[in-house]
Amino acid sequence: MMFLLAFVLMTSLNVLVYSQDRCTLPPESGLCLAYFEKYYYDSNFRTCKMFVYGGCDGNDNRFDTEDACLAACAGSK
């Protein structure tokens, strides 16, 4: 039982750290030339902003909606 509790706590901590790191990355449009409106978290202004994603590459600071961006990154520095 203690193992299960430790596993759950470590997994939760890992997700929290990943979210914070993800939210500090700059927006990256990627190398392709498609036009997808996505959102990234701007850690300087602590808000989500729209950017154009080309469809490939880029990084993990990319969300389909502003709400998804805020849910993942609200409270990140």
Protein backbone atom coordinates (compact mmCIF):
# COMPACT_ATOMS: atom_id res chain seq x y z
CA MET A 1 0.00 0.00 0.00
CA MET A 2 2.84 2.40 0.80
CA PHE A 3 4.38 1.64 -2.60
CA LEU A 4 1.15 2.61 -4.33
CA LEU A 5 0.92 5.86 -2.37
CA ALA A 6 4.55 6.70 -3.15
CA PHE A 7 3.98 5.93 -6.84
CA VAL A 8 0.92 8.20 -7.01
CA LEU A 9 2.76 11.05 -5.26
CA MET A 10 5.82 10.77 -7.51
CA THR A 11 3.66 10.65 -10.64
CA SER A 12 1.71 13.73 -9.53
CA LEU A 13 4.92 15.62 -8.80
CA ASN A 14 6.35 14.66 -12.18
CA VAL A 15 3.23 15.96 -13.96
CA LEU A 16 3.40 19.23 -12.01
CA VAL A 17 7.07 19.79 -12.86
CA TYR A 18 6.48 18.88 -16.52
CA SER A 19 3.58 21.36 -16.73
CA GLN A 20 5.68 24.15 -15.26
CA ASP A 21 8.59 23.47 -17.63
CA ARG A 22 6.23 23.19 -20.60
CA CYS A 23 4.65 26.52 -19.81
CA THR A 24 7.94 28.43 -19.82
CA LEU A 25 8.93 27.42 -23.36
CA PRO A 26 8.71 30.07 -26.09
CA PRO A 27 6.13 29.56 -28.86
CA GLU A 28 7.52 27.66 -31.84
CA SER A 29 5.68 27.67 -35.16
CA GLY A 30 7.63 24.67 -36.44
CA LEU A 31 9.07 24.09 -39.89
CA CYS A 32 5.91 23.29 -41.85
CA LEU A 33 3.77 25.91 -43.56
CA ALA A 34 0.21 25.04 -42.55
CA TYR A 35 -1.94 27.57 -40.68
CA PHE A 36 -3.29 26.32 -37.35
CA GLU A 37 -4.31 28.82 -34.71
CA LYS A 38 -2.98 27.51 -31.39
CA TYR A 39 -2.29 28.97 -27.98
CA TYR A 40 0.87 29.20 -25.90
CA TYR A 41 1.42 30.33 -22.33
CA ASP A 42 3.38 33.58 -22.04
CA SER A 43 5.06 33.25 -18.65
CA ASN A 44 6.12 36.93 -18.64
CA PHE A 45 2.52 38.14 -18.78
CA ARG A 46 0.99 35.02 -17.14
CA THR A 47 -1.60 34.62 -19.85
CA CYS A 48 -2.25 32.55 -22.95
CA LYS A 49 -1.80 34.05 -26.40
CA MET A 50 -2.66 32.89 -29.89
CA PHE A 51 0.07 32.00 -32.40
CA VAL A 52 0.19 30.29 -35.78
CA TYR A 53 1.48 26.71 -35.74
CA GLY A 54 2.78 25.30 -39.02
CA GLY A 55 1.75 21.71 -38.31
CA CYS A 56 5.02 19.96 -37.44
CA ASP A 57 7.87 20.18 -34.95
CA GLY A 58 7.46 23.00 -32.42
CA ASN A 59 7.42 22.28 -28.70
CA ASP A 60 5.01 21.31 -25.93
CA ASN A 61 3.86 24.85 -25.12
CA ARG A 62 1.07 24.52 -27.69
CA PHE A 63 -2.62 24.11 -26.93
CA ASP A 64 -5.73 23.78 -29.09
CA THR A 65 -7.75 26.24 -27.01
CA GLU A 66 -7.10 29.13 -24.67
CA ASP A 67 -9.01 27.27 -21.95
CA ALA A 68 -6.74 24.22 -22.28
CA CYS A 69 -3.71 26.50 -22.08
CA LEU A 70 -4.97 28.20 -18.93
CA ALA A 71 -5.92 24.89 -17.33
CA ALA A 72 -2.41 23.51 -17.88
CA CYS A 73 -0.40 26.61 -17.06
CA ALA A 74 -2.37 28.88 -14.72
CA GLY A 75 -0.15 29.61 -11.75
CA SER A 76 3.09 28.88 -13.63
CA LYS A 77 5.90 31.40 -13.37
